[in-house]
N, C-alpha and C. Protein backbone atom coordinates (compact mmCIF):
# COMPACT_ATOMS: atom_id res chain seq x y z
N MET A 1 -8.36 -31.39 27.21
CA MET A 1 -7.48 -30.69 26.30
C MET A 1 -6.27 -30.20 27.19
N GLU A 2 -5.07 -30.86 26.98
CA GLU A 2 -3.88 -30.48 27.72
C GLU A 2 -3.23 -29.27 27.05
N THR A 3 -2.54 -28.48 27.85
CA THR A 3 -1.82 -27.34 27.34
C THR A 3 -0.24 -27.53 27.44
N SER A 4 0.46 -26.76 26.62
CA SER A 4 1.90 -26.86 26.62
C SER A 4 2.47 -25.47 26.36
N LYS A 5 3.75 -25.27 26.75
CA LYS A 5 4.47 -24.06 26.47
C LYS A 5 5.26 -24.24 25.20
N THR A 6 5.30 -25.45 24.65
CA THR A 6 6.13 -25.71 23.43
C THR A 6 5.28 -25.37 22.21
N VAL A 7 5.95 -24.57 21.25
CA VAL A 7 5.31 -24.20 20.02
C VAL A 7 5.41 -25.41 19.03
N PRO A 8 4.28 -25.90 18.58
CA PRO A 8 4.25 -26.94 17.56
C PRO A 8 5.02 -26.57 16.34
N GLU A 9 5.86 -27.38 15.82
CA GLU A 9 6.62 -27.04 14.60
C GLU A 9 5.98 -27.37 13.32
N SER A 10 5.04 -28.30 13.37
CA SER A 10 4.42 -28.71 12.06
C SER A 10 2.97 -29.25 12.36
N GLY A 11 2.29 -29.37 11.35
CA GLY A 11 0.89 -30.03 11.35
C GLY A 11 -0.23 -29.14 11.78
N ILE A 12 0.06 -27.82 11.90
CA ILE A 12 -0.97 -26.93 12.31
C ILE A 12 -1.44 -26.13 11.08
N ASN A 13 -2.83 -26.23 10.81
CA ASN A 13 -3.33 -25.49 9.69
C ASN A 13 -4.16 -24.32 10.10
N LEU A 14 -4.58 -24.26 11.38
CA LEU A 14 -5.43 -23.20 11.84
C LEU A 14 -5.08 -22.87 13.30
N GLU A 15 -4.88 -21.63 13.52
CA GLU A 15 -4.58 -21.24 14.91
C GLU A 15 -5.42 -20.02 15.28
N ILE A 16 -5.90 -20.02 16.49
CA ILE A 16 -6.61 -18.93 17.11
C ILE A 16 -5.82 -18.38 18.23
N ILE A 17 -5.50 -17.11 18.28
CA ILE A 17 -4.77 -16.58 19.40
C ILE A 17 -5.63 -15.61 20.25
N PHE A 18 -5.45 -15.63 21.51
CA PHE A 18 -6.13 -14.75 22.47
C PHE A 18 -5.12 -13.79 22.96
N VAL A 19 -5.29 -12.50 22.79
CA VAL A 19 -4.43 -11.49 23.28
C VAL A 19 -5.15 -10.47 24.10
N GLY A 20 -4.45 -9.73 24.96
CA GLY A 20 -5.08 -8.68 25.71
C GLY A 20 -4.21 -8.17 26.89
N ARG A 21 -4.70 -7.08 27.42
CA ARG A 21 -4.05 -6.51 28.60
C ARG A 21 -4.03 -7.51 29.70
N SER A 22 -3.05 -7.44 30.59
CA SER A 22 -3.05 -8.29 31.78
C SER A 22 -4.34 -8.14 32.64
N ASN A 23 -4.83 -9.20 33.18
CA ASN A 23 -5.93 -9.17 34.08
C ASN A 23 -7.32 -8.76 33.42
N VAL A 24 -7.46 -9.05 32.09
CA VAL A 24 -8.80 -8.81 31.55
C VAL A 24 -9.58 -10.18 31.47
N GLY A 25 -8.99 -11.22 31.93
CA GLY A 25 -9.74 -12.50 32.04
C GLY A 25 -9.52 -13.45 30.88
N LYS A 26 -8.35 -13.25 30.19
CA LYS A 26 -8.11 -14.19 29.05
C LYS A 26 -8.09 -15.65 29.41
N SER A 27 -7.25 -15.99 30.41
CA SER A 27 -7.16 -17.43 30.79
C SER A 27 -8.44 -17.92 31.21
N SER A 28 -9.22 -17.17 32.01
CA SER A 28 -10.52 -17.62 32.50
C SER A 28 -11.47 -17.83 31.37
N LEU A 29 -11.40 -16.95 30.37
CA LEU A 29 -12.22 -17.10 29.14
C LEU A 29 -11.92 -18.36 28.40
N LEU A 30 -10.60 -18.69 28.23
CA LEU A 30 -10.23 -19.89 27.59
C LEU A 30 -10.70 -21.15 28.29
N LYS A 31 -10.62 -21.10 29.60
CA LYS A 31 -11.02 -22.24 30.39
C LYS A 31 -12.50 -22.44 30.21
N GLU A 32 -13.33 -21.40 30.20
CA GLU A 32 -14.72 -21.44 30.00
C GLU A 32 -15.12 -21.84 28.56
N LEU A 33 -14.39 -21.29 27.63
CA LEU A 33 -14.73 -21.49 26.16
C LEU A 33 -14.37 -22.87 25.66
N PHE A 34 -13.13 -23.37 26.04
CA PHE A 34 -12.65 -24.58 25.49
C PHE A 34 -12.57 -25.71 26.50
N GLY A 35 -12.63 -25.35 27.74
CA GLY A 35 -12.44 -26.38 28.78
C GLY A 35 -11.01 -26.71 28.90
N ALA A 36 -10.17 -25.81 28.34
CA ALA A 36 -8.68 -26.08 28.37
C ALA A 36 -8.17 -25.89 29.72
N LYS A 37 -7.20 -26.73 30.13
CA LYS A 37 -6.55 -26.61 31.42
C LYS A 37 -5.47 -25.51 31.39
N VAL A 38 -5.94 -24.32 31.11
CA VAL A 38 -5.00 -23.21 31.07
C VAL A 38 -4.83 -22.58 32.51
N ARG A 39 -3.65 -22.44 32.87
CA ARG A 39 -3.38 -21.90 34.20
C ARG A 39 -3.97 -20.56 34.35
N VAL A 40 -4.78 -20.27 35.32
CA VAL A 40 -5.38 -19.01 35.53
C VAL A 40 -4.59 -18.22 36.59
N GLY A 41 -4.09 -17.05 36.23
CA GLY A 41 -3.23 -16.31 37.10
C GLY A 41 -4.01 -15.70 38.31
N LYS A 42 -3.31 -15.70 39.50
CA LYS A 42 -3.88 -15.00 40.59
C LYS A 42 -3.49 -13.52 40.69
N ARG A 43 -2.57 -13.14 39.85
CA ARG A 43 -2.19 -11.72 39.82
C ARG A 43 -1.87 -11.32 38.36
N PRO A 44 -1.99 -10.06 37.98
CA PRO A 44 -1.75 -9.60 36.66
C PRO A 44 -0.36 -10.07 36.22
N GLY A 45 -0.21 -10.46 34.95
CA GLY A 45 1.04 -10.79 34.39
C GLY A 45 1.63 -12.04 34.70
N VAL A 46 0.87 -13.01 35.31
CA VAL A 46 1.50 -14.25 35.70
C VAL A 46 1.89 -15.13 34.52
N THR A 47 1.23 -14.93 33.40
CA THR A 47 1.58 -15.70 32.19
C THR A 47 2.60 -14.93 31.36
N LEU A 48 3.86 -15.43 31.31
CA LEU A 48 4.83 -14.73 30.59
C LEU A 48 5.30 -15.32 29.29
N ARG A 49 4.70 -16.50 28.95
CA ARG A 49 4.94 -17.16 27.67
C ARG A 49 3.67 -17.72 27.18
N PRO A 50 3.60 -17.83 25.80
CA PRO A 50 2.34 -18.37 25.20
C PRO A 50 1.98 -19.77 25.80
N THR A 51 0.75 -20.02 26.00
CA THR A 51 0.31 -21.38 26.34
C THR A 51 -0.58 -21.91 25.22
N HIS A 52 -0.26 -23.13 24.77
CA HIS A 52 -0.94 -23.73 23.64
C HIS A 52 -1.77 -24.96 24.00
N ALA A 53 -2.89 -25.04 23.33
CA ALA A 53 -3.70 -26.24 23.46
C ALA A 53 -3.98 -26.71 22.04
N ARG A 54 -3.74 -27.99 21.73
CA ARG A 54 -3.90 -28.47 20.31
C ARG A 54 -4.88 -29.56 20.19
N ILE A 55 -5.70 -29.50 19.18
CA ILE A 55 -6.64 -30.52 18.79
C ILE A 55 -6.45 -30.82 17.30
N SER A 56 -5.88 -31.95 17.01
CA SER A 56 -5.51 -32.32 15.65
C SER A 56 -4.67 -31.19 14.97
N ASP A 57 -5.21 -30.51 13.89
CA ASP A 57 -4.40 -29.44 13.24
C ASP A 57 -4.87 -28.09 13.67
N PHE A 58 -5.62 -28.00 14.82
CA PHE A 58 -6.12 -26.77 15.39
C PHE A 58 -5.41 -26.45 16.60
N LEU A 59 -4.86 -25.18 16.62
CA LEU A 59 -4.05 -24.69 17.80
C LEU A 59 -4.75 -23.53 18.43
N ILE A 60 -4.89 -23.55 19.75
CA ILE A 60 -5.41 -22.44 20.58
C ILE A 60 -4.22 -21.84 21.39
N THR A 61 -4.04 -20.54 21.27
CA THR A 61 -2.93 -19.98 21.93
C THR A 61 -3.31 -18.86 22.79
N ASP A 62 -2.92 -18.92 24.05
CA ASP A 62 -3.10 -17.78 25.06
C ASP A 62 -1.79 -17.02 25.13
N MET A 63 -1.80 -15.81 24.60
CA MET A 63 -0.63 -15.04 24.59
C MET A 63 -0.46 -14.37 25.92
N PRO A 64 0.82 -14.03 26.35
CA PRO A 64 1.05 -13.35 27.60
C PRO A 64 0.29 -12.04 27.64
N GLY A 65 -0.24 -11.64 28.83
CA GLY A 65 -0.84 -10.37 28.93
C GLY A 65 0.07 -9.25 28.76
N PHE A 66 -0.28 -8.18 28.08
CA PHE A 66 0.61 -7.03 27.93
C PHE A 66 0.13 -5.89 28.85
N GLY A 67 1.02 -4.90 29.02
CA GLY A 67 0.69 -3.82 29.93
C GLY A 67 1.24 -4.12 31.28
N PHE A 68 0.53 -3.64 32.29
CA PHE A 68 0.93 -3.81 33.72
C PHE A 68 1.16 -5.25 34.09
N MET A 69 2.18 -5.59 34.78
CA MET A 69 2.43 -6.93 35.25
C MET A 69 2.97 -6.80 36.68
N SER A 70 2.28 -7.28 37.63
CA SER A 70 2.66 -7.19 39.06
C SER A 70 4.04 -7.89 39.25
N GLY A 71 4.97 -7.07 39.84
CA GLY A 71 6.23 -7.69 40.16
C GLY A 71 7.17 -7.94 38.98
N VAL A 72 6.79 -7.40 37.80
CA VAL A 72 7.64 -7.54 36.61
C VAL A 72 8.13 -6.18 36.20
N LYS A 73 9.48 -6.10 35.97
CA LYS A 73 10.12 -4.77 35.68
C LYS A 73 9.68 -4.34 34.24
N ASP A 74 9.70 -2.99 34.08
CA ASP A 74 9.26 -2.42 32.77
C ASP A 74 9.98 -2.99 31.63
N ARG A 75 11.22 -3.28 31.70
CA ARG A 75 12.04 -3.79 30.63
C ARG A 75 11.50 -5.13 30.15
N LYS A 76 11.22 -5.97 31.19
CA LYS A 76 10.68 -7.29 30.87
C LYS A 76 9.29 -7.23 30.28
N GLN A 77 8.49 -6.24 30.72
CA GLN A 77 7.19 -6.00 30.10
C GLN A 77 7.34 -5.73 28.60
N ASP A 78 8.32 -4.87 28.27
CA ASP A 78 8.55 -4.53 26.92
C ASP A 78 9.00 -5.74 26.08
N ILE A 79 9.87 -6.66 26.67
CA ILE A 79 10.32 -7.85 26.01
C ILE A 79 9.11 -8.79 25.75
N VAL A 80 8.27 -8.88 26.74
CA VAL A 80 7.09 -9.79 26.52
C VAL A 80 6.26 -9.19 25.38
N LYS A 81 5.97 -7.91 25.29
CA LYS A 81 5.27 -7.32 24.20
C LYS A 81 5.88 -7.59 22.90
N ASP A 82 7.23 -7.36 22.81
CA ASP A 82 8.01 -7.59 21.57
C ASP A 82 7.88 -9.01 21.15
N LYS A 83 8.01 -9.94 22.10
CA LYS A 83 7.96 -11.41 21.74
C LYS A 83 6.54 -11.73 21.21
N THR A 84 5.49 -11.11 21.75
CA THR A 84 4.18 -11.32 21.35
C THR A 84 3.99 -10.94 19.92
N VAL A 85 4.51 -9.76 19.53
CA VAL A 85 4.39 -9.20 18.25
C VAL A 85 5.19 -10.12 17.26
N HIS A 86 6.40 -10.55 17.62
CA HIS A 86 7.22 -11.39 16.83
C HIS A 86 6.52 -12.79 16.55
N TYR A 87 5.91 -13.31 17.61
CA TYR A 87 5.22 -14.60 17.47
C TYR A 87 4.10 -14.46 16.45
N ILE A 88 3.35 -13.46 16.57
CA ILE A 88 2.26 -13.23 15.65
C ILE A 88 2.71 -13.02 14.21
N GLU A 89 3.73 -12.24 14.04
CA GLU A 89 4.34 -12.00 12.71
C GLU A 89 4.86 -13.35 12.14
N ASP A 90 5.59 -14.12 12.92
CA ASP A 90 6.21 -15.34 12.49
C ASP A 90 5.13 -16.40 12.07
N ASN A 91 4.02 -16.37 12.75
CA ASN A 91 2.99 -17.41 12.54
C ASN A 91 1.69 -16.85 11.84
N ALA A 92 1.79 -15.61 11.33
CA ALA A 92 0.60 -14.98 10.74
C ALA A 92 -0.09 -15.86 9.62
N GLU A 93 0.66 -16.64 8.93
CA GLU A 93 0.03 -17.40 7.86
C GLU A 93 -0.98 -18.47 8.38
N ARG A 94 -0.64 -19.02 9.59
CA ARG A 94 -1.55 -20.02 10.13
C ARG A 94 -2.49 -19.50 11.19
N ILE A 95 -2.31 -18.22 11.66
CA ILE A 95 -3.18 -17.58 12.61
C ILE A 95 -4.42 -17.01 11.81
N LYS A 96 -5.43 -17.66 11.89
CA LYS A 96 -6.67 -17.25 11.11
C LYS A 96 -7.57 -16.30 11.88
N ILE A 97 -7.53 -16.44 13.15
CA ILE A 97 -8.42 -15.54 14.02
C ILE A 97 -7.66 -15.01 15.23
N GLY A 98 -7.79 -13.72 15.52
CA GLY A 98 -7.21 -13.13 16.74
C GLY A 98 -8.36 -12.59 17.56
N VAL A 99 -8.42 -13.02 18.82
CA VAL A 99 -9.40 -12.49 19.74
C VAL A 99 -8.66 -11.62 20.73
N LEU A 100 -9.08 -10.26 20.66
CA LEU A 100 -8.57 -9.29 21.54
C LEU A 100 -9.52 -9.21 22.72
N VAL A 101 -9.07 -9.53 23.88
CA VAL A 101 -9.95 -9.50 25.03
C VAL A 101 -9.69 -8.17 25.81
N VAL A 102 -10.76 -7.42 26.04
CA VAL A 102 -10.62 -6.18 26.72
C VAL A 102 -11.64 -6.21 27.96
N ASP A 103 -11.30 -5.41 28.98
CA ASP A 103 -12.20 -5.20 30.05
C ASP A 103 -13.22 -4.17 29.61
N GLY A 104 -14.40 -4.62 29.24
CA GLY A 104 -15.39 -3.71 28.58
C GLY A 104 -15.68 -2.50 29.43
N PRO A 105 -16.00 -2.58 30.72
CA PRO A 105 -16.39 -1.41 31.51
C PRO A 105 -15.25 -0.45 31.72
N SER A 106 -13.99 -0.87 31.68
CA SER A 106 -12.82 -0.01 31.89
C SER A 106 -12.17 0.48 30.64
N PHE A 107 -12.53 -0.13 29.51
CA PHE A 107 -11.83 0.14 28.25
C PHE A 107 -11.79 1.60 27.86
N PRO A 108 -13.00 2.24 27.73
CA PRO A 108 -12.91 3.68 27.35
C PRO A 108 -12.04 4.50 28.22
N GLU A 109 -12.10 4.35 29.51
CA GLU A 109 -11.32 5.18 30.46
C GLU A 109 -9.82 4.88 30.26
N ILE A 110 -9.48 3.58 30.11
CA ILE A 110 -8.07 3.28 29.85
C ILE A 110 -7.51 3.84 28.61
N VAL A 111 -8.31 3.82 27.52
CA VAL A 111 -7.84 4.39 26.23
C VAL A 111 -7.71 5.92 26.39
N ASP A 112 -8.68 6.51 27.07
CA ASP A 112 -8.61 8.00 27.20
C ASP A 112 -7.36 8.44 27.98
N ARG A 113 -7.00 7.59 29.00
CA ARG A 113 -5.86 7.88 29.89
C ARG A 113 -4.58 7.97 28.98
N TRP A 114 -4.46 6.88 28.07
CA TRP A 114 -3.28 6.85 27.23
C TRP A 114 -3.29 8.08 26.24
N ASP A 115 -4.50 8.37 25.71
CA ASP A 115 -4.66 9.44 24.77
C ASP A 115 -4.24 10.77 25.39
N SER A 116 -4.49 10.92 26.70
CA SER A 116 -4.20 12.21 27.35
C SER A 116 -2.70 12.40 27.49
N ARG A 117 -1.90 11.30 27.38
CA ARG A 117 -0.50 11.38 27.41
C ARG A 117 0.14 11.33 25.97
N ASP A 118 -0.78 11.47 25.01
CA ASP A 118 -0.41 11.45 23.61
C ASP A 118 0.29 10.21 23.20
N GLN A 119 -0.19 9.08 23.74
CA GLN A 119 0.32 7.74 23.57
C GLN A 119 -0.76 6.86 22.88
N ILE A 120 -0.36 5.97 21.98
CA ILE A 120 -1.39 5.08 21.41
C ILE A 120 -1.61 3.97 22.45
N PRO A 121 -2.88 3.79 22.84
CA PRO A 121 -3.17 2.75 23.80
C PRO A 121 -2.81 1.43 23.28
N ILE A 122 -2.22 0.58 24.11
CA ILE A 122 -1.65 -0.68 23.64
C ILE A 122 -2.72 -1.65 23.13
N ASP A 123 -4.00 -1.50 23.69
CA ASP A 123 -5.02 -2.39 23.16
C ASP A 123 -5.39 -1.98 21.74
N VAL A 124 -5.46 -0.71 21.50
CA VAL A 124 -5.80 -0.15 20.13
C VAL A 124 -4.72 -0.52 19.18
N GLU A 125 -3.45 -0.33 19.65
CA GLU A 125 -2.25 -0.68 18.80
C GLU A 125 -2.33 -2.15 18.41
N MET A 126 -2.72 -3.03 19.31
CA MET A 126 -2.76 -4.47 19.03
C MET A 126 -3.91 -4.71 18.00
N PHE A 127 -5.10 -4.12 18.29
CA PHE A 127 -6.21 -4.20 17.37
C PHE A 127 -5.86 -3.89 15.92
N ASP A 128 -5.21 -2.66 15.78
CA ASP A 128 -4.77 -2.22 14.47
C ASP A 128 -3.73 -3.15 13.89
N PHE A 129 -2.75 -3.63 14.69
CA PHE A 129 -1.66 -4.46 14.14
C PHE A 129 -2.25 -5.77 13.64
N LEU A 130 -3.12 -6.44 14.38
CA LEU A 130 -3.73 -7.73 13.95
C LEU A 130 -4.48 -7.47 12.57
N ARG A 131 -5.19 -6.43 12.47
CA ARG A 131 -5.95 -6.20 11.24
C ARG A 131 -5.02 -5.86 10.02
N GLU A 132 -3.97 -5.10 10.40
CA GLU A 132 -3.07 -4.71 9.30
C GLU A 132 -2.36 -5.87 8.74
N ILE A 133 -2.05 -6.90 9.51
CA ILE A 133 -1.34 -8.07 8.96
C ILE A 133 -2.27 -9.16 8.42
N GLY A 134 -3.56 -8.78 8.37
CA GLY A 134 -4.55 -9.61 7.72
C GLY A 134 -5.15 -10.74 8.61
N ILE A 135 -5.06 -10.53 9.96
CA ILE A 135 -5.71 -11.54 10.84
C ILE A 135 -7.04 -11.10 11.11
N ASP A 136 -8.07 -11.92 10.92
CA ASP A 136 -9.46 -11.64 11.26
C ASP A 136 -9.59 -11.46 12.75
N THR A 137 -10.04 -10.28 13.18
CA THR A 137 -9.97 -9.93 14.58
C THR A 137 -11.36 -9.74 15.22
N ILE A 138 -11.52 -10.37 16.39
CA ILE A 138 -12.66 -10.24 17.18
C ILE A 138 -12.34 -9.55 18.49
N VAL A 139 -13.13 -8.62 18.94
CA VAL A 139 -12.89 -7.92 20.22
C VAL A 139 -13.88 -8.49 21.23
N ALA A 140 -13.46 -9.26 22.24
CA ALA A 140 -14.25 -9.78 23.23
C ALA A 140 -14.29 -8.82 24.41
N ALA A 141 -15.44 -8.05 24.48
CA ALA A 141 -15.56 -7.11 25.58
C ALA A 141 -16.03 -7.83 26.87
N ASN A 142 -15.10 -8.20 27.68
CA ASN A 142 -15.43 -8.99 28.89
C ASN A 142 -15.92 -8.15 30.05
N LYS A 143 -16.38 -8.85 31.05
CA LYS A 143 -16.94 -8.30 32.28
C LYS A 143 -18.13 -7.41 32.10
N MET A 144 -18.92 -7.70 31.08
CA MET A 144 -20.14 -6.90 30.81
C MET A 144 -21.22 -7.06 31.80
N ASP A 145 -21.05 -8.14 32.66
CA ASP A 145 -22.09 -8.30 33.76
C ASP A 145 -22.05 -7.19 34.73
N LYS A 146 -20.97 -6.37 34.75
CA LYS A 146 -20.77 -5.29 35.64
C LYS A 146 -21.49 -3.99 35.17
N VAL A 147 -22.06 -4.09 33.97
CA VAL A 147 -22.70 -2.91 33.38
C VAL A 147 -24.25 -2.91 33.47
N LYS A 148 -24.76 -1.82 33.94
CA LYS A 148 -26.20 -1.68 34.10
C LYS A 148 -26.85 -1.79 32.74
N ALA A 149 -28.07 -2.38 32.72
CA ALA A 149 -28.82 -2.60 31.48
C ALA A 149 -28.97 -1.37 30.68
N ASP A 150 -29.29 -0.23 31.34
CA ASP A 150 -29.64 0.99 30.61
C ASP A 150 -28.28 1.68 30.19
N GLU A 151 -27.18 1.19 30.54
CA GLU A 151 -25.85 1.82 30.12
C GLU A 151 -25.14 0.86 29.18
N TYR A 152 -25.68 -0.33 28.88
CA TYR A 152 -25.07 -1.34 28.09
C TYR A 152 -24.64 -0.86 26.73
N ASN A 153 -25.63 -0.39 25.94
CA ASN A 153 -25.33 -0.02 24.60
C ASN A 153 -24.49 1.24 24.46
N ASP A 154 -24.66 2.21 25.33
CA ASP A 154 -23.85 3.43 25.39
C ASP A 154 -22.31 2.98 25.64
N LEU A 155 -22.10 2.12 26.52
CA LEU A 155 -20.76 1.68 26.79
C LEU A 155 -20.12 1.07 25.63
N LEU A 156 -20.86 0.14 24.99
CA LEU A 156 -20.39 -0.57 23.78
C LEU A 156 -20.15 0.39 22.60
N ASP A 157 -20.98 1.44 22.57
CA ASP A 157 -20.69 2.53 21.55
C ASP A 157 -19.38 3.17 21.82
N GLU A 158 -19.04 3.38 23.12
CA GLU A 158 -17.79 4.01 23.49
C GLU A 158 -16.63 3.07 23.12
N VAL A 159 -16.82 1.77 23.42
CA VAL A 159 -15.78 0.82 23.05
C VAL A 159 -15.47 0.87 21.50
N ALA A 160 -16.53 0.96 20.73
CA ALA A 160 -16.41 0.98 19.23
C ALA A 160 -15.61 2.23 18.86
N VAL A 161 -15.97 3.39 19.42
CA VAL A 161 -15.30 4.64 19.12
C VAL A 161 -13.85 4.60 19.45
N ARG A 162 -13.47 4.03 20.56
CA ARG A 162 -12.07 3.89 20.91
C ARG A 162 -11.31 3.03 20.02
N LEU A 163 -11.94 2.09 19.37
CA LEU A 163 -11.35 1.23 18.35
C LEU A 163 -11.30 1.84 16.98
N GLY A 164 -11.86 3.03 16.82
CA GLY A 164 -11.87 3.72 15.59
C GLY A 164 -13.03 3.21 14.69
N LEU A 165 -14.09 2.61 15.31
CA LEU A 165 -15.31 2.11 14.65
C LEU A 165 -16.43 3.11 14.84
N GLU A 166 -17.05 3.49 13.75
CA GLU A 166 -18.15 4.42 13.83
C GLU A 166 -19.38 3.74 14.56
N PRO A 167 -19.91 4.40 15.58
CA PRO A 167 -21.07 3.82 16.30
C PRO A 167 -22.35 3.99 15.49
N PRO A 168 -23.42 3.23 15.74
CA PRO A 168 -23.58 2.34 16.91
C PRO A 168 -22.78 1.06 16.77
N TRP A 169 -22.50 0.51 17.96
CA TRP A 169 -21.75 -0.71 18.02
C TRP A 169 -22.37 -1.88 17.29
N GLN A 170 -23.74 -1.92 17.19
CA GLN A 170 -24.43 -2.89 16.61
C GLN A 170 -24.06 -3.10 15.09
N ASN A 171 -23.50 -2.07 14.54
CA ASN A 171 -22.96 -2.17 13.09
C ASN A 171 -21.75 -3.05 13.07
N TRP A 172 -21.19 -3.34 14.23
CA TRP A 172 -19.89 -4.01 14.34
C TRP A 172 -20.06 -5.38 15.13
N LYS A 173 -21.23 -5.96 15.07
CA LYS A 173 -21.48 -7.21 15.82
C LYS A 173 -20.66 -8.33 15.26
N HIS A 174 -20.12 -8.20 14.09
CA HIS A 174 -19.21 -9.27 13.54
C HIS A 174 -17.80 -9.09 14.05
N ILE A 175 -17.57 -7.98 14.82
CA ILE A 175 -16.28 -7.75 15.37
C ILE A 175 -16.31 -7.70 16.89
N ILE A 176 -17.33 -6.95 17.44
CA ILE A 176 -17.37 -6.82 18.89
C ILE A 176 -18.39 -7.81 19.50
N ALA A 177 -17.84 -8.55 20.51
CA ALA A 177 -18.66 -9.60 21.16
C ALA A 177 -18.71 -9.35 22.68
N PRO A 178 -19.78 -8.79 23.15
CA PRO A 178 -19.95 -8.55 24.64
C PRO A 178 -20.09 -9.81 25.35
N ILE A 179 -19.28 -10.08 26.42
CA ILE A 179 -19.28 -11.32 27.06
C ILE A 179 -19.08 -11.15 28.59
N SER A 180 -19.35 -12.22 29.30
CA SER A 180 -18.96 -12.30 30.73
C SER A 180 -18.35 -13.71 31.01
N ALA A 181 -17.06 -13.81 31.00
CA ALA A 181 -16.41 -15.13 31.23
C ALA A 181 -16.81 -15.63 32.65
N LYS A 182 -16.83 -14.70 33.59
CA LYS A 182 -17.10 -15.16 34.99
C LYS A 182 -18.50 -15.75 35.14
N LYS A 183 -19.50 -15.18 34.33
CA LYS A 183 -20.86 -15.67 34.43
C LYS A 183 -21.08 -16.78 33.38
N GLY A 184 -20.10 -17.10 32.57
CA GLY A 184 -20.28 -18.13 31.58
C GLY A 184 -21.13 -17.72 30.33
N ASP A 185 -21.25 -16.38 30.22
CA ASP A 185 -22.07 -15.81 29.09
C ASP A 185 -21.10 -15.52 27.90
N LEU A 186 -20.93 -16.52 27.09
CA LEU A 186 -20.02 -16.36 25.97
C LEU A 186 -20.76 -16.53 24.59
N LYS A 187 -22.07 -16.45 24.64
CA LYS A 187 -22.81 -16.68 23.43
C LYS A 187 -22.38 -15.87 22.24
N ALA A 188 -22.18 -14.61 22.42
CA ALA A 188 -21.79 -13.71 21.26
C ALA A 188 -20.45 -14.14 20.69
N LEU A 189 -19.51 -14.48 21.55
CA LEU A 189 -18.21 -14.86 21.05
C LEU A 189 -18.22 -16.17 20.35
N LYS A 190 -18.91 -17.12 20.96
CA LYS A 190 -19.04 -18.43 20.30
C LYS A 190 -19.70 -18.35 18.99
N GLY A 191 -20.67 -17.49 18.82
CA GLY A 191 -21.35 -17.38 17.57
C GLY A 191 -20.38 -16.79 16.52
N LEU A 192 -19.58 -15.86 16.85
CA LEU A 192 -18.64 -15.27 15.88
C LEU A 192 -17.55 -16.22 15.51
N LEU A 193 -17.09 -16.98 16.51
CA LEU A 193 -16.04 -18.02 16.20
C LEU A 193 -16.62 -19.09 15.24
N ARG A 194 -17.84 -19.56 15.51
CA ARG A 194 -18.40 -20.59 14.69
C ARG A 194 -18.74 -20.02 13.29
N ASP A 195 -19.15 -18.81 13.19
CA ASP A 195 -19.38 -18.22 11.89
C ASP A 195 -18.11 -18.30 11.04
N ARG A 196 -16.95 -17.96 11.69
CA ARG A 196 -15.66 -17.90 10.96
C ARG A 196 -15.21 -19.35 10.61
N LEU A 197 -15.40 -20.23 11.58
CA LEU A 197 -15.03 -21.64 11.25
C LEU A 197 -15.86 -22.16 10.14
N HIS A 198 -17.15 -21.86 10.13
CA HIS A 198 -17.99 -22.29 9.02
C HIS A 198 -17.53 -21.75 7.65
N GLU A 199 -17.11 -20.49 7.64
CA GLU A 199 -16.62 -19.87 6.39
C GLU A 199 -15.35 -20.57 5.92
N MET A 200 -14.56 -21.15 6.84
CA MET A 200 -13.34 -21.82 6.52
C MET A 200 -13.64 -23.33 6.24
N LYS A 201 -14.94 -23.72 6.26
CA LYS A 201 -15.32 -25.14 6.05
C LYS A 201 -14.72 -26.00 7.17
N ARG A 202 -14.73 -25.48 8.36
CA ARG A 202 -14.24 -26.29 9.51
C ARG A 202 -15.33 -26.46 10.53
N ASP A 203 -16.57 -26.87 10.04
CA ASP A 203 -17.63 -27.16 11.01
C ASP A 203 -17.25 -28.27 11.99
N ASP A 204 -16.20 -29.06 11.54
CA ASP A 204 -15.80 -30.16 12.46
C ASP A 204 -15.25 -29.71 13.82
N LEU A 205 -14.88 -28.41 13.84
CA LEU A 205 -14.37 -27.84 15.16
C LEU A 205 -15.45 -27.21 15.98
N PHE A 206 -16.66 -27.24 15.51
CA PHE A 206 -17.71 -26.69 16.40
C PHE A 206 -17.77 -27.40 17.77
N LYS A 207 -17.40 -28.67 17.75
CA LYS A 207 -17.48 -29.47 18.92
C LYS A 207 -16.49 -28.94 20.00
N CYS A 208 -15.50 -28.16 19.62
CA CYS A 208 -14.45 -27.60 20.51
C CYS A 208 -14.94 -26.33 21.14
N ILE A 209 -16.03 -25.72 20.59
CA ILE A 209 -16.39 -24.47 21.10
C ILE A 209 -17.79 -24.46 21.71
């Protein structure tokens, strides 16, 4: 599956976008999930424009990471975020699924840090935005291999709380998918994606996931 920076103008009926803070493992996740030849950044913020992979009428899009970007000025970071929002708004009709990738172990702390400054955490803002415009949203809690077994459920409860979802997190298994892209453990995310594709009568795309 080859990738491109060019946005397809026609022939796309279904698009899945992957969004998230820089350095949460989005590109690595895509490579593991789809086998796409998506460039994996060696430093945060290396991807500044969407990367697309197309299969027939199905489009997979890796959006630029938002938040901190090494070597990128604040103004440009804001521009990247704005362009991401505009891209999603402009293509909302064909974007059927949005996957918000977060660093599971760090997510509660990051959200609390923003809250302490009376600011809406950008991850939470994106989660709410996707849902508000009607895009079916999955939260892929990545890097869960770093979490001890006896702390696993407690951490995911904290992730749910920060997203405004009442714990326990198991009530939200249709939204929250704990994964480890590095370890190739994507079972939860694959299951949710296939469930949604089945609901859209697109079982033909199972071969892609």
